[in-house]
Amino acid sequence: MNKLLRDLINTEKVRSFIDGIMVGTETEEGHDKLVTEILRRLEENDLYVKLEKCKQKVREVDFLESSVRARRYKYKESEGESSIELASS
């Protein structure tokens, strides 16, 4: 997955881990363009997404046992939760 999406990942607007993909953009239009490009690449490589596992245009999402919110990343620790403010690009 990383090889397939490498250039998009390098923009820091796309994250990928095994079969999970997360898209974070400043605008809805930018989001739509990235999602369209990701779906095109998946289709070209005979890959697919399970619609029941997809969430679109949300402000917060759980990803790899962490919670990612607009400009804030919260990770779960065994003794509590911590959060990091994300820098804007």
N, C-alpha and C. Protein backbone atom coordinates (compact mmCIF):
# COMPACT_ATOMS: atom_id res chain seq x y z
N MET A 1 0.83 -1.19 0.00
CA MET A 1 0.00 0.00 0.00
C MET A 1 0.88 1.26 0.00
N ASN A 2 1.95 1.25 0.80
CA ASN A 2 2.83 2.42 0.84
C ASN A 2 3.47 2.68 -0.52
N LYS A 3 3.85 1.64 -1.23
CA LYS A 3 4.45 1.81 -2.55
C LYS A 3 3.45 2.42 -3.53
N LEU A 4 2.23 1.95 -3.46
CA LEU A 4 1.16 2.41 -4.35
C LEU A 4 0.82 3.88 -4.10
N LEU A 5 0.91 4.32 -2.85
CA LEU A 5 0.49 5.68 -2.48
C LEU A 5 1.65 6.58 -2.06
N ARG A 6 2.88 6.16 -2.32
CA ARG A 6 4.06 6.86 -1.80
C ARG A 6 4.04 8.36 -2.05
N ASP A 7 3.78 8.79 -3.27
CA ASP A 7 3.81 10.23 -3.56
C ASP A 7 2.72 10.99 -2.80
N LEU A 8 1.59 10.35 -2.57
CA LEU A 8 0.52 10.99 -1.81
C LEU A 8 0.86 11.03 -0.32
N ILE A 9 1.49 9.98 0.15
CA ILE A 9 1.93 9.93 1.55
C ILE A 9 2.96 11.03 1.80
N ASN A 10 3.83 11.26 0.83
CA ASN A 10 4.87 12.28 0.97
C ASN A 10 4.29 13.69 1.09
N THR A 11 3.04 13.90 0.69
CA THR A 11 2.40 15.21 0.85
C THR A 11 1.96 15.42 2.29
N GLU A 12 2.02 14.37 3.11
CA GLU A 12 1.60 14.36 4.51
C GLU A 12 0.10 14.56 4.67
N LYS A 13 -0.66 14.33 3.61
CA LYS A 13 -2.11 14.40 3.69
C LYS A 13 -2.74 13.01 3.66
N VAL A 14 -1.91 12.00 3.41
CA VAL A 14 -2.37 10.62 3.35
C VAL A 14 -1.50 9.79 4.28
N ARG A 15 -2.15 8.94 5.07
CA ARG A 15 -1.45 8.00 5.94
C ARG A 15 -1.93 6.61 5.56
N SER A 16 -1.01 5.66 5.62
CA SER A 16 -1.34 4.29 5.27
C SER A 16 -0.64 3.33 6.22
N PHE A 17 -1.34 2.31 6.63
CA PHE A 17 -0.74 1.26 7.44
C PHE A 17 -1.42 -0.05 7.08
N ILE A 18 -0.68 -0.96 6.52
CA ILE A 18 -1.17 -2.25 6.02
C ILE A 18 -2.35 -2.01 5.09
N ASP A 19 -3.59 -2.16 5.56
CA ASP A 19 -4.73 -1.97 4.68
C ASP A 19 -5.59 -0.77 5.10
N GLY A 20 -5.07 0.07 5.98
CA GLY A 20 -5.81 1.25 6.41
C GLY A 20 -5.26 2.49 5.74
N ILE A 21 -6.17 3.35 5.28
CA ILE A 21 -5.76 4.60 4.64
C ILE A 21 -6.53 5.74 5.30
N MET A 22 -5.82 6.81 5.64
CA MET A 22 -6.46 7.98 6.23
C MET A 22 -6.06 9.20 5.41
N VAL A 23 -7.03 10.05 5.11
CA VAL A 23 -6.81 11.26 4.32
C VAL A 23 -7.19 12.46 5.17
N GLY A 24 -6.28 13.43 5.26
CA GLY A 24 -6.57 14.65 6.00
C GLY A 24 -6.17 15.86 5.17
N THR A 25 -7.13 16.71 4.86
CA THR A 25 -6.86 17.88 4.03
C THR A 25 -7.47 19.13 4.66
N GLU A 26 -7.08 20.27 4.11
CA GLU A 26 -7.59 21.56 4.59
C GLU A 26 -8.99 21.85 4.05
N THR A 27 -9.28 21.37 2.84
CA THR A 27 -10.56 21.69 2.21
C THR A 27 -11.30 20.43 1.79
N GLU A 28 -12.59 20.56 1.65
CA GLU A 28 -13.41 19.43 1.18
C GLU A 28 -13.06 19.08 -0.26
N GLU A 29 -12.79 20.09 -1.07
CA GLU A 29 -12.42 19.85 -2.47
C GLU A 29 -11.11 19.05 -2.55
N GLY A 30 -10.14 19.43 -1.74
CA GLY A 30 -8.87 18.71 -1.70
C GLY A 30 -9.06 17.27 -1.24
N HIS A 31 -9.95 17.08 -0.28
CA HIS A 31 -10.26 15.74 0.21
C HIS A 31 -10.85 14.89 -0.91
N ASP A 32 -11.82 15.45 -1.61
CA ASP A 32 -12.48 14.72 -2.69
C ASP A 32 -11.48 14.32 -3.78
N LYS A 33 -10.56 15.22 -4.12
CA LYS A 33 -9.56 14.92 -5.16
C LYS A 33 -8.64 13.78 -4.71
N LEU A 34 -8.19 13.82 -3.47
CA LEU A 34 -7.30 12.76 -2.98
C LEU A 34 -8.01 11.42 -2.91
N VAL A 35 -9.23 11.41 -2.41
CA VAL A 35 -9.98 10.15 -2.32
C VAL A 35 -10.21 9.57 -3.71
N THR A 36 -10.56 10.43 -4.67
CA THR A 36 -10.76 9.96 -6.04
C THR A 36 -9.48 9.34 -6.60
N GLU A 37 -8.34 10.00 -6.35
CA GLU A 37 -7.05 9.47 -6.84
C GLU A 37 -6.71 8.15 -6.16
N ILE A 38 -6.94 8.05 -4.87
CA ILE A 38 -6.66 6.80 -4.14
C ILE A 38 -7.53 5.67 -4.67
N LEU A 39 -8.81 5.93 -4.86
CA LEU A 39 -9.70 4.90 -5.38
C LEU A 39 -9.31 4.47 -6.79
N ARG A 40 -8.87 5.43 -7.61
CA ARG A 40 -8.42 5.10 -8.97
C ARG A 40 -7.22 4.16 -8.92
N ARG A 41 -6.26 4.46 -8.07
CA ARG A 41 -5.07 3.62 -7.97
C ARG A 41 -5.41 2.24 -7.43
N LEU A 42 -6.28 2.18 -6.46
CA LEU A 42 -6.68 0.87 -5.93
C LEU A 42 -7.33 0.04 -7.03
N GLU A 43 -8.24 0.65 -7.77
CA GLU A 43 -8.93 -0.07 -8.86
C GLU A 43 -7.95 -0.54 -9.92
N GLU A 44 -7.00 0.30 -10.29
CA GLU A 44 -6.00 -0.08 -11.30
C GLU A 44 -5.15 -1.28 -10.86
N ASN A 45 -5.07 -1.48 -9.56
CA ASN A 45 -4.26 -2.57 -9.02
C ASN A 45 -5.11 -3.70 -8.46
N ASP A 46 -6.36 -3.77 -8.92
CA ASP A 46 -7.30 -4.81 -8.50
C ASP A 46 -7.46 -4.90 -6.99
N LEU A 47 -7.45 -3.75 -6.34
CA LEU A 47 -7.70 -3.66 -4.90
C LEU A 47 -9.04 -2.97 -4.69
N TYR A 48 -9.61 -3.13 -3.53
CA TYR A 48 -10.92 -2.55 -3.27
C TYR A 48 -11.02 -2.14 -1.81
N VAL A 49 -12.06 -1.37 -1.51
CA VAL A 49 -12.35 -0.98 -0.13
C VAL A 49 -13.69 -1.58 0.27
N LYS A 50 -13.81 -1.84 1.56
CA LYS A 50 -15.10 -2.29 2.10
C LYS A 50 -15.85 -1.06 2.57
N LEU A 51 -16.94 -0.75 1.90
CA LEU A 51 -17.67 0.48 2.20
C LEU A 51 -18.11 0.55 3.65
N GLU A 52 -18.43 -0.58 4.26
CA GLU A 52 -18.88 -0.57 5.65
C GLU A 52 -17.77 -0.16 6.62
N LYS A 53 -16.53 -0.18 6.17
CA LYS A 53 -15.40 0.23 7.01
C LYS A 53 -14.96 1.66 6.73
N CYS A 54 -15.57 2.31 5.75
CA CYS A 54 -15.17 3.66 5.36
C CYS A 54 -15.92 4.72 6.15
N LYS A 55 -15.19 5.78 6.48
CA LYS A 55 -15.77 6.98 7.07
C LYS A 55 -15.28 8.13 6.22
N GLN A 56 -16.19 9.00 5.82
CA GLN A 56 -15.79 10.12 4.97
C GLN A 56 -16.17 11.44 5.60
N LYS A 57 -15.29 12.39 5.43
CA LYS A 57 -15.54 13.78 5.82
C LYS A 57 -15.94 13.90 7.29
N VAL A 58 -15.15 13.28 8.15
CA VAL A 58 -15.38 13.37 9.59
C VAL A 58 -14.26 14.18 10.22
N ARG A 59 -14.50 14.76 11.37
CA ARG A 59 -13.51 15.58 12.07
C ARG A 59 -12.62 14.75 12.99
N GLU A 60 -13.07 13.55 13.32
CA GLU A 60 -12.28 12.70 14.21
C GLU A 60 -12.44 11.25 13.79
N VAL A 61 -11.35 10.51 13.86
CA VAL A 61 -11.38 9.11 13.45
C VAL A 61 -10.39 8.32 14.31
N ASP A 62 -10.76 7.08 14.63
CA ASP A 62 -9.82 6.19 15.30
C ASP A 62 -8.97 5.53 14.24
N PHE A 63 -7.66 5.52 14.46
CA PHE A 63 -6.72 4.96 13.49
C PHE A 63 -5.56 4.37 14.27
N LEU A 64 -5.35 3.08 14.14
CA LEU A 64 -4.26 2.37 14.82
C LEU A 64 -4.31 2.59 16.33
N GLU A 65 -5.46 2.38 16.90
CA GLU A 65 -5.67 2.50 18.35
C GLU A 65 -5.36 3.89 18.88
N SER A 66 -5.50 4.88 18.01
CA SER A 66 -5.32 6.27 18.40
C SER A 66 -6.49 7.05 17.83
N SER A 67 -6.67 8.23 18.34
CA SER A 67 -7.74 9.08 17.86
C SER A 67 -7.13 10.28 17.17
N VAL A 68 -7.50 10.51 15.93
CA VAL A 68 -6.98 11.64 15.18
C VAL A 68 -8.13 12.61 14.95
N ARG A 69 -7.93 13.83 15.35
CA ARG A 69 -8.93 14.87 15.23
C ARG A 69 -8.30 16.03 14.47
N ALA A 70 -9.11 16.86 13.86
CA ALA A 70 -8.57 18.00 13.11
C ALA A 70 -7.49 18.71 13.92
N ARG A 71 -6.24 18.60 13.45
CA ARG A 71 -5.07 19.23 14.05
C ARG A 71 -4.67 18.68 15.42
N ARG A 72 -5.21 17.55 15.86
CA ARG A 72 -4.83 16.99 17.14
C ARG A 72 -4.77 15.47 17.02
N TYR A 73 -3.70 14.90 17.56
CA TYR A 73 -3.50 13.45 17.55
C TYR A 73 -3.50 12.98 19.00
N LYS A 74 -4.41 12.09 19.36
CA LYS A 74 -4.49 11.59 20.72
C LYS A 74 -4.15 10.11 20.70
N TYR A 75 -3.15 9.73 21.45
CA TYR A 75 -2.80 8.32 21.49
C TYR A 75 -3.09 7.76 22.87
N LYS A 76 -3.45 6.49 22.90
CA LYS A 76 -3.83 5.83 24.13
C LYS A 76 -2.63 5.13 24.73
N GLU A 77 -2.38 5.39 25.97
CA GLU A 77 -1.31 4.73 26.69
C GLU A 77 -1.92 3.82 27.74
N SER A 78 -1.13 2.91 28.27
CA SER A 78 -1.65 2.00 29.27
C SER A 78 -2.09 2.73 30.53
N GLU A 79 -1.49 3.89 30.82
CA GLU A 79 -1.83 4.62 32.03
C GLU A 79 -2.58 5.92 31.75
N GLY A 80 -3.23 6.03 30.64
CA GLY A 80 -3.99 7.23 30.33
C GLY A 80 -3.86 7.61 28.88
N GLU A 81 -4.24 8.84 28.59
CA GLU A 81 -4.19 9.33 27.21
C GLU A 81 -3.34 10.59 27.16
N SER A 82 -2.67 10.78 26.06
CA SER A 82 -1.89 11.99 25.81
C SER A 82 -2.29 12.52 24.45
N SER A 83 -2.07 13.80 24.26
CA SER A 83 -2.39 14.36 22.95
C SER A 83 -1.28 15.29 22.50
N ILE A 84 -1.16 15.43 21.20
CA ILE A 84 -0.13 16.25 20.56
C ILE A 84 -0.84 17.18 19.59
N GLU A 85 -0.51 18.45 19.65
CA GLU A 85 -1.03 19.42 18.69
C GLU A 85 -0.23 19.27 17.39
N LEU A 86 -0.90 19.09 16.27
CA LEU A 86 -0.23 18.94 15.00
C LEU A 86 0.06 20.29 14.38
N ALA A 87 1.24 20.43 13.81
CA ALA A 87 1.62 21.67 13.15
C ALA A 87 0.87 21.80 11.84
N SER A 88 0.55 23.00 11.48
CA SER A 88 -0.12 23.16 10.19
C SER A 88 0.92 23.30 9.10
N SER A 89 0.59 22.73 7.91
CA SER A 89 1.57 22.73 6.83
C SER A 89 1.38 23.87 5.90
